[in-house]
Amino acid sequence: MRSDARCIATLLLALLSMVASGCQPYLMPSSAVDAYPKADQELDFLAEVEKMNAITNNDAVHAFLLLQDGADAQPDYAARRAEAIRRGWMDRGASTNANEAAHVGWMATAGCMVMQIKGGVSMHLFGPVPRYAVRELIFMEILPLRTENQVLSGSEFVDYLNRLDRISGHGRRASAASPLGTPAGESAASPGNEAAIQEGPLPEQGPLEVPAVPPDSSAAPGPASPPAAEPASKEPATPSPAPPAPQEPPAFGGAPR
């Protein structure tokens, strides 16, 4: 009996340790904002973020401050976290670890609030809470398919910013944007914003594959030139044979005369 109880206790301890290890947050060695904290270093900041396996809390709040205000006046993550809580992006139970991987839930809430995305009936009733904000942004193809407690890689987060930024029509990160029609998470543009990224006018009629070439206005109109004559053949013509001479018919009743 005692051996059975010890086996059960050992299995329970092993199970608890497995559950505890699975709940550990994913930590990154550092954040990109530590090296590029200024607003005029935004491109360097985003290039560094793209290399990261996961976006950190510190980097995500810094990026949303740049997206909304164009600047980040907060000196460290503690101040950024307090500002994010004040704006409603994070709740008061948000992680205090700057280098912990940011959850998709609060980043979706921040994105909806910054871009003033109203959403459907659920968001109208309950506001941009993480669950409904994530669902709305997935439906709009702004976020890749994730749950609110999952994370984004650095490149996925930059793509997420691109899509949010294109909704506003700023297009500040167009160099990192992906072509239309590609799924979220692969650097694509969000649906409904094609006018903001139109590169030029389309022809009024005709297939899109045929380029509209304007006529050359510098050339003055003139009379139509006659068609060119076919060149004469250099080989001599072969004379046709002469027709045979007619023969006199034979005389009636005998030989010819």
Foldseek 3Di string as FASTA:
>chain_A
DVVVVVVVVVVVVVVVVVVVVVPDFDFDPDALCVVVVWLVCVVVNLVVLQVFFFHWQQSLLSVLCCLQPVTDPDDGVVRSVVVCCVLPLDPPPDDPDRGTGDFQQSSLLSLCSSLVPQFDDVCVVVNSGRQRSLVRCVVQQLAPDDGRGDTAGSLLVVLSSQQSSLSVLPNPPVVQADDAPDGRSPRYHTPPRCVSVDPDDADPDDDRVDDDDDDDPVDDDDDDDDDDDDDDDPDDDDDDDDDDDDDDDADPPDGRD
